[in-house]
Amino acid sequence: MRKLLQLIAFILASYSCSYAIGTIDSLQVLPKNPTVNDSIKVVDSIMISTFCSYIDHAYVVAGNNITLSACYSYGNLSITCERTDTFNIGKLPAGAYSLTLIIKGYYSLGGGNCTTAAPMDTAIITFTVSGGSGINDDLSSGAGYITAHPNPSYYG
């Protein structure tokens, strides 16, 4: 019986530490099928210890590779929190892209910062930006509206 209790305690401790610092649960690009006319956003869902405060992020586009680094501070390992963050990448030229998300963190009471934060988890996704349809998406300037002069319904 004692061995069984030890096994159960070990399994529960292992499960509770599976999100001990930080893990990426999901990563997606919005819109699902971006075009050159779309402003692209990256949405992640992560689990981090305790209060998981978002601190800062930075991204680098090098050719068709995008590296996004997000920094968080965390607290004690006794509980976890889930958070969802959205990062604006902007418009990209047509092509196939690889996006790498690196979440980094530091212990909030340890006096760290994002420069010295240790990597906690990494995820990679690929997506394709297709060419535009040729239709101007900016209709605020009046482009794309059909007008008729004179108004045929006015002259009865």
C-alpha atoms as a PDB file:
ATOM      1  CA  MET A   1       0.000   0.000   0.000  1.00  0.00           C
ATOM      2  CA  ARG A   2       2.834   2.372   0.841  1.00  0.00           C
ATOM      3  CA  LYS A   3       4.397   1.810  -2.600  1.00  0.00           C
ATOM      4  CA  LEU A   4       1.068   2.635  -4.260  1.00  0.00           C
ATOM      5  CA  LEU A   5       0.759   5.878  -2.291  1.00  0.00           C
ATOM      6  CA  GLN A   6       4.311   6.827  -3.236  1.00  0.00           C
ATOM      7  CA  LEU A   7       3.547   6.136  -6.887  1.00  0.00           C
ATOM      8  CA  ILE A   8       0.386   8.258  -6.760  1.00  0.00           C
ATOM      9  CA  ALA A   9       2.258  11.084  -5.019  1.00  0.00           C
ATOM     10  CA  PHE A  10       5.009  10.931  -7.648  1.00  0.00           C
ATOM     11  CA  ILE A  11       2.487  11.034 -10.532  1.00  0.00           C
ATOM     12  CA  LEU A  12       0.628  13.967  -8.989  1.00  0.00           C
ATOM     13  CA  ALA A  13       3.874  15.849  -8.354  1.00  0.00           C
ATOM     14  CA  SER A  14       5.019  15.196 -11.927  1.00  0.00           C
ATOM     15  CA  TYR A  15       1.704  16.407 -13.326  1.00  0.00           C
ATOM     16  CA  SER A  16       1.686  19.565 -11.204  1.00  0.00           C
ATOM     17  CA  CYS A  17       5.235  20.375 -12.339  1.00  0.00           C
ATOM     18  CA  SER A  18       4.474  19.832 -16.024  1.00  0.00           C
ATOM     19  CA  TYR A  19       3.708  23.551 -16.251  1.00  0.00           C
ATOM     20  CA  ALA A  20       6.334  24.416 -13.672  1.00  0.00           C
ATOM     21  CA  ILE A  21       7.723  27.446 -15.455  1.00  0.00           C
ATOM     22  CA  GLY A  22       6.105  27.993 -18.837  1.00  0.00           C
ATOM     23  CA  THR A  23       4.773  26.031 -21.793  1.00  0.00           C
ATOM     24  CA  ILE A  24       3.105  26.967 -25.063  1.00  0.00           C
ATOM     25  CA  ASP A  25      -0.306  25.294 -25.385  1.00  0.00           C
ATOM     26  CA  SER A  26      -1.284  26.668 -28.809  1.00  0.00           C
ATOM     27  CA  LEU A  27      -0.022  28.994 -31.492  1.00  0.00           C
ATOM     28  CA  GLN A  28      -1.927  30.311 -34.497  1.00  0.00           C
ATOM     29  CA  VAL A  29      -1.802  32.969 -37.185  1.00  0.00           C
ATOM     30  CA  LEU A  30      -4.799  35.210 -37.889  1.00  0.00           C
ATOM     31  CA  PRO A  31      -6.399  35.448 -40.343  1.00  0.00           C
ATOM     32  CA  LYS A  32      -6.259  31.724 -41.117  1.00  0.00           C
ATOM     33  CA  ASN A  33      -5.411  32.319 -44.808  1.00  0.00           C
ATOM     34  CA  PRO A  34      -3.649  35.686 -44.897  1.00  0.00           C
ATOM     35  CA  THR A  35      -3.136  37.726 -48.047  1.00  0.00           C
ATOM     36  CA  VAL A  36      -0.731  40.575 -48.748  1.00  0.00           C
ATOM     37  CA  ASN A  37      -3.575  42.973 -47.845  1.00  0.00           C
ATOM     38  CA  ASP A  38      -4.061  41.529 -44.314  1.00  0.00           C
ATOM     39  CA  SER A  39      -2.433  42.694 -41.117  1.00  0.00           C
ATOM     40  CA  ILE A  40      -1.173  39.427 -39.633  1.00  0.00           C
ATOM     41  CA  LYS A  41      -1.506  38.642 -35.947  1.00  0.00           C
ATOM     42  CA  VAL A  42      -0.023  35.794 -33.923  1.00  0.00           C
ATOM     43  CA  VAL A  43      -2.085  34.411 -31.027  1.00  0.00           C
ATOM     44  CA  ASP A  44      -0.590  32.156 -28.383  1.00  0.00           C
ATOM     45  CA  SER A  45      -1.999  30.387 -25.365  1.00  0.00           C
ATOM     46  CA  ILE A  46       0.524  29.621 -22.636  1.00  0.00           C
ATOM     47  CA  MET A  47       0.680  28.250 -19.116  1.00  0.00           C
ATOM     48  CA  ILE A  48       3.065  29.866 -16.649  1.00  0.00           C
ATOM     49  CA  SER A  49       3.621  29.521 -12.925  1.00  0.00           C
ATOM     50  CA  THR A  50       1.642  31.767 -10.605  1.00  0.00           C
ATOM     51  CA  PHE A  51       0.672  35.239 -11.811  1.00  0.00           C
ATOM     52  CA  CYS A  52       2.444  35.113 -15.228  1.00  0.00           C
ATOM     53  CA  SER A  53       2.879  38.780 -15.972  1.00  0.00           C
ATOM     54  CA  TYR A  54       3.545  39.715 -19.591  1.00  0.00           C
ATOM     55  CA  ILE A  55       6.558  42.027 -19.787  1.00  0.00           C
ATOM     56  CA  ASP A  56       7.618  42.626 -23.403  1.00  0.00           C
ATOM     57  CA  HIS A  57       8.071  41.086 -26.854  1.00  0.00           C
ATOM     58  CA  ALA A  58      10.184  41.543 -29.951  1.00  0.00           C
ATOM     59  CA  TYR A  59      10.189  39.971 -33.390  1.00  0.00           C
ATOM     60  CA  VAL A  60      12.604  39.742 -36.279  1.00  0.00           C
ATOM     61  CA  VAL A  61      11.681  39.016 -39.899  1.00  0.00           C
ATOM     62  CA  ALA A  62      14.652  37.588 -41.800  1.00  0.00           C
ATOM     63  CA  GLY A  63      13.540  36.555 -45.273  1.00  0.00           C
ATOM     64  CA  ASN A  64      10.710  34.085 -44.770  1.00  0.00           C
ATOM     65  CA  ASN A  65      11.645  33.287 -41.166  1.00  0.00           C
ATOM     66  CA  ILE A  66       9.996  35.150 -38.308  1.00  0.00           C
ATOM     67  CA  THR A  67      11.295  34.827 -34.753  1.00  0.00           C
ATOM     68  CA  LEU A  68       8.979  36.136 -32.045  1.00  0.00           C
ATOM     69  CA  SER A  69      10.288  36.328 -28.487  1.00  0.00           C
ATOM     70  CA  ALA A  70       7.863  37.013 -25.625  1.00  0.00           C
ATOM     71  CA  CYS A  71       9.032  37.700 -22.069  1.00  0.00           C
ATOM     72  CA  TYR A  72       7.129  36.970 -18.843  1.00  0.00           C
ATOM     73  CA  SER A  73       7.838  37.085 -15.158  1.00  0.00           C
ATOM     74  CA  TYR A  74       6.630  34.242 -12.966  1.00  0.00           C
ATOM     75  CA  GLY A  75       6.318  33.468  -9.298  1.00  0.00           C
ATOM     76  CA  ASN A  76       6.135  30.417  -7.066  1.00  0.00           C
ATOM     77  CA  LEU A  77       5.652  27.014  -8.654  1.00  0.00           C
ATOM     78  CA  SER A  78       2.630  26.054  -6.552  1.00  0.00           C
ATOM     79  CA  ILE A  79      -0.087  27.145  -9.020  1.00  0.00           C
ATOM     80  CA  THR A  80      -0.307  27.911 -12.724  1.00  0.00           C
ATOM     81  CA  CYS A  81      -2.174  30.427 -14.798  1.00  0.00           C
ATOM     82  CA  GLU A  82      -3.169  30.416 -18.439  1.00  0.00           C
ATOM     83  CA  ARG A  83      -2.966  33.485 -20.617  1.00  0.00           C
ATOM     84  CA  THR A  84      -3.589  34.294 -24.262  1.00  0.00           C
ATOM     85  CA  ASP A  85      -1.564  36.995 -25.988  1.00  0.00           C
ATOM     86  CA  THR A  86      -1.912  38.561 -29.432  1.00  0.00           C
ATOM     87  CA  PHE A  87       1.079  40.005 -31.276  1.00  0.00           C
ATOM     88  CA  ASN A  88       0.736  42.187 -34.378  1.00  0.00           C
ATOM     89  CA  ILE A  89       3.209  41.253 -37.117  1.00  0.00           C
ATOM     90  CA  GLY A  90       1.686  43.480 -39.805  1.00  0.00           C
ATOM     91  CA  LYS A  91       1.553  42.980 -43.555  1.00  0.00           C
ATOM     92  CA  LEU A  92       3.949  40.572 -45.256  1.00  0.00           C
ATOM     93  CA  PRO A  93       4.807  39.928 -48.905  1.00  0.00           C
ATOM     94  CA  ALA A  94       3.408  36.801 -50.552  1.00  0.00           C
ATOM     95  CA  GLY A  95       5.279  33.606 -49.710  1.00  0.00           C
ATOM     96  CA  ALA A  96       5.620  30.686 -47.308  1.00  0.00           C
ATOM     97  CA  TYR A  97       6.763  31.628 -43.799  1.00  0.00           C
ATOM     98  CA  SER A  98       8.085  29.828 -40.748  1.00  0.00           C
ATOM     99  CA  LEU A  99       7.300  31.465 -37.405  1.00  0.00           C
ATOM    100  CA  THR A 100       9.180  30.517 -34.248  1.00  0.00           C
ATOM    101  CA  LEU A 101       7.762  31.614 -30.890  1.00  0.00           C
ATOM    102  CA  ILE A 102      10.155  31.586 -27.945  1.00  0.00           C
ATOM    103  CA  ILE A 103       8.720  32.317 -24.515  1.00  0.00           C
ATOM    104  CA  LYS A 104      11.276  33.492 -21.980  1.00  0.00           C
ATOM    105  CA  GLY A 105      10.858  34.196 -18.317  1.00  0.00           C
ATOM    106  CA  TYR A 106      12.457  35.210 -15.096  1.00  0.00           C
ATOM    107  CA  TYR A 107      11.535  34.800 -11.466  1.00  0.00           C
ATOM    108  CA  SER A 108       9.812  37.999 -10.380  1.00  0.00           C
ATOM    109  CA  LEU A 109      11.451  38.113  -6.944  1.00  0.00           C
ATOM    110  CA  GLY A 110      14.889  37.324  -8.325  1.00  0.00           C
ATOM    111  CA  GLY A 111      15.486  40.733  -9.887  1.00  0.00           C
ATOM    112  CA  GLY A 112      15.766  39.461 -13.466  1.00  0.00           C
ATOM    113  CA  ASN A 113      14.814  41.181 -16.695  1.00  0.00           C
ATOM    114  CA  CYS A 114      13.943  40.273 -20.288  1.00  0.00           C
ATOM    115  CA  THR A 115      17.556  40.560 -21.430  1.00  0.00           C
ATOM    116  CA  THR A 116      18.693  37.846 -19.027  1.00  0.00           C
ATOM    117  CA  ALA A 117      15.453  35.798 -19.086  1.00  0.00           C
ATOM    118  CA  ALA A 118      15.866  32.089 -19.736  1.00  0.00           C
ATOM    119  CA  PRO A 119      13.985  30.365 -22.588  1.00  0.00           C
ATOM    120  CA  MET A 120      11.071  28.294 -21.264  1.00  0.00           C
ATOM    121  CA  ASP A 121       9.482  26.824 -24.411  1.00  0.00           C
ATOM    122  CA  THR A 122       9.531  27.087 -28.201  1.00  0.00           C
ATOM    123  CA  ALA A 123       6.902  26.411 -30.883  1.00  0.00           C
ATOM    124  CA  ILE A 124       7.159  26.583 -34.671  1.00  0.00           C
ATOM    125  CA  ILE A 125       4.349  26.967 -37.204  1.00  0.00           C
ATOM    126  CA  THR A 126       4.308  27.562 -40.934  1.00  0.00           C
ATOM    127  CA  PHE A 127       1.838  29.602 -42.947  1.00  0.00           C
ATOM    128  CA  THR A 128       1.461  31.036 -46.430  1.00  0.00           C
ATOM    129  CA  VAL A 129       0.653  34.613 -47.392  1.00  0.00           C
ATOM    130  CA  SER A 130      -1.093  34.645 -50.744  1.00  0.00           C
ATOM    131  CA  GLY A 131      -1.213  37.437 -53.294  1.00  0.00           C
ATOM    132  CA  GLY A 132      -4.087  39.897 -53.132  1.00  0.00           C
ATOM    133  CA  SER A 133      -7.255  39.683 -55.206  1.00  0.00           C
ATOM    134  CA  GLY A 134      -6.477  42.928 -56.993  1.00  0.00           C
ATOM    135  CA  ILE A 135      -9.418  44.657 -55.337  1.00  0.00           C
ATOM    136  CA  ASN A 136      -8.549  47.683 -53.249  1.00  0.00           C
ATOM    137  CA  ASP A 137      -9.384  46.908 -49.607  1.00  0.00           C
ATOM    138  CA  ASP A 138      -9.267  50.594 -48.652  1.00  0.00           C
ATOM    139  CA  LEU A 139     -12.746  51.800 -49.534  1.00  0.00           C
ATOM    140  CA  SER A 140     -12.519  54.908 -47.358  1.00  0.00           C
ATOM    141  CA  SER A 141     -11.148  56.949 -50.269  1.00  0.00           C
ATOM    142  CA  GLY A 142     -14.200  56.141 -52.392  1.00  0.00           C
ATOM    143  CA  ALA A 143     -12.304  53.694 -54.601  1.00  0.00           C
ATOM    144  CA  GLY A 144     -14.497  50.754 -55.518  1.00  0.00           C
ATOM    145  CA  TYR A 145     -17.847  52.532 -55.145  1.00  0.00           C
ATOM    146  CA  ILE A 146     -20.168  52.703 -58.124  1.00  0.00           C
ATOM    147  CA  THR A 147     -21.815  56.027 -58.749  1.00  0.00           C
ATOM    148  CA  ALA A 148     -24.314  57.096 -61.389  1.00  0.00           C
ATOM    149  CA  HIS A 149     -24.822  60.704 -62.490  1.00  0.00           C
ATOM    150  CA  PRO A 150     -27.416  61.992 -62.708  1.00  0.00           C
ATOM    151  CA  ASN A 151     -29.357  59.932 -60.212  1.00  0.00           C
ATOM    152  CA  PRO A 152     -31.896  58.045 -62.382  1.00  0.00           C
ATOM    153  CA  SER A 153     -34.553  57.823 -59.649  1.00  0.00           C
ATOM    154  CA  TYR A 154     -34.551  61.578 -59.115  1.00  0.00           C
ATOM    155  CA  TYR A 155     -35.992  62.476 -62.498  1.00  0.00           C
ATOM    156  CA  GLY A 156     -39.086  60.316 -62.085  1.00  0.00           C
END
